[in-house]
Amino acid sequence: MTRANQYVDQTAPFKLAKDTAQAARLAEVLYNLAKRAVFSRCCFWPFVPATGKKCTRKLGLSEAPGQAERSRLGRVDCRKRICLA
């Protein structure tokens, strides 16, 4: 999580969002962060199931991470809506 926080600080997506010329870079940054969120969910699940379930709901995923999902971690559907609330 520390590395993800550093990535946000370094890439400043909130600043990229203000510049329409940076739309492609913003999409890349947000995709990388979504990928990290899915990875973190898989790591949390066995040890803190309540947090894993909360991540599942917020990421719009349907169930506990299985082996198939763990093997697809690099392929996050960037069209999914993520709930920030």
Protein backbone atom coordinates (compact mmCIF):
# COMPACT_ATOMS: atom_id res chain seq x y z
CA MET A 1 0.00 0.00 0.00
CA THR A 2 2.90 2.32 0.70
CA ARG A 3 4.07 1.97 -2.89
CA ALA A 4 0.58 2.70 -4.20
CA ASN A 5 0.45 5.86 -2.07
CA GLN A 6 3.86 6.91 -3.39
CA TYR A 7 2.63 6.29 -6.94
CA VAL A 8 -0.32 8.63 -6.36
CA ASP A 9 2.02 11.28 -4.96
CA GLN A 10 4.44 10.92 -7.89
CA THR A 11 1.90 10.80 -10.70
CA ALA A 12 -0.59 13.32 -9.24
CA PRO A 13 -3.71 12.04 -11.03
CA PHE A 14 -5.74 14.87 -9.53
CA LYS A 15 -3.54 17.32 -11.46
CA LEU A 16 -3.62 15.21 -14.64
CA ALA A 17 -7.43 15.29 -14.53
CA LYS A 18 -7.38 19.07 -14.87
CA ASP A 19 -5.43 18.95 -18.16
CA THR A 20 -7.35 17.46 -21.10
CA ALA A 21 -4.06 16.99 -22.97
CA GLN A 22 -3.05 14.50 -20.26
CA ALA A 23 -6.12 12.25 -20.69
CA ALA A 24 -4.11 9.26 -21.93
CA ARG A 25 -1.63 9.52 -19.06
CA LEU A 26 -4.49 9.87 -16.57
CA ALA A 27 -6.12 6.72 -17.96
CA GLU A 28 -2.82 4.86 -17.57
CA VAL A 29 -2.36 6.03 -13.98
CA LEU A 30 -5.94 5.13 -13.01
CA TYR A 31 -5.61 1.73 -14.70
CA ASN A 32 -2.45 1.01 -12.70
CA LEU A 33 -4.17 2.03 -9.47
CA ALA A 34 -7.19 -0.16 -10.24
CA LYS A 35 -4.86 -3.06 -10.90
CA ARG A 36 -3.20 -2.48 -7.53
CA ALA A 37 -6.60 -2.39 -5.82
CA VAL A 38 -7.52 -5.78 -7.29
CA PHE A 39 -4.15 -7.20 -6.25
CA SER A 40 -4.55 -5.84 -2.73
CA ARG A 41 -8.00 -7.40 -2.49
CA CYS A 42 -6.52 -10.82 -3.27
CA CYS A 43 -3.89 -10.30 -0.58
CA PHE A 44 -6.33 -9.06 2.08
CA TRP A 45 -8.98 -11.72 1.56
CA PRO A 46 -7.44 -14.68 3.45
CA PHE A 47 -6.35 -12.59 6.44
CA VAL A 48 -9.00 -9.88 6.70
CA PRO A 49 -12.12 -11.22 4.98
CA ALA A 50 -14.25 -8.20 5.94
CA THR A 51 -11.81 -5.87 4.17
CA GLY A 52 -11.67 -8.24 1.20
CA LYS A 53 -15.46 -8.22 0.97
CA LYS A 54 -15.53 -4.42 1.20
CA CYS A 55 -12.96 -4.19 -1.60
CA THR A 56 -15.00 -6.65 -3.66
CA ARG A 57 -18.11 -4.50 -3.34
CA LYS A 58 -16.32 -1.22 -4.07
CA LEU A 59 -14.50 -2.65 -7.10
CA GLY A 60 -17.76 -4.02 -8.50
CA LEU A 61 -16.50 -7.61 -8.42
CA SER A 62 -18.79 -10.52 -7.80
CA GLU A 63 -17.17 -12.92 -5.37
CA ALA A 64 -14.13 -14.03 -3.42
CA PRO A 65 -10.95 -14.08 -5.48
CA GLY A 66 -10.27 -17.51 -6.88
CA GLN A 67 -7.23 -19.03 -8.53
CA ALA A 68 -8.44 -17.90 -11.96
CA GLU A 69 -8.59 -14.26 -10.82
CA ARG A 70 -5.19 -14.46 -9.20
CA SER A 71 -3.74 -15.64 -12.50
CA ARG A 72 -5.40 -12.72 -14.36
CA LEU A 73 -4.23 -9.92 -12.07
CA GLY A 74 -2.51 -8.11 -14.92
CA ARG A 75 -5.75 -7.88 -16.90
CA VAL A 76 -8.09 -5.47 -15.14
CA ASP A 77 -11.17 -4.32 -17.03
CA CYS A 78 -10.62 -0.56 -17.10
CA ARG A 79 -14.24 0.04 -18.17
CA LYS A 80 -15.65 -1.04 -14.77
CA ARG A 81 -16.94 1.66 -12.46
CA ILE A 82 -15.24 1.82 -9.08
CA CYS A 83 -17.24 3.04 -6.10
CA LEU A 84 -15.24 5.55 -4.06
CA ALA A 85 -17.86 6.03 -1.33
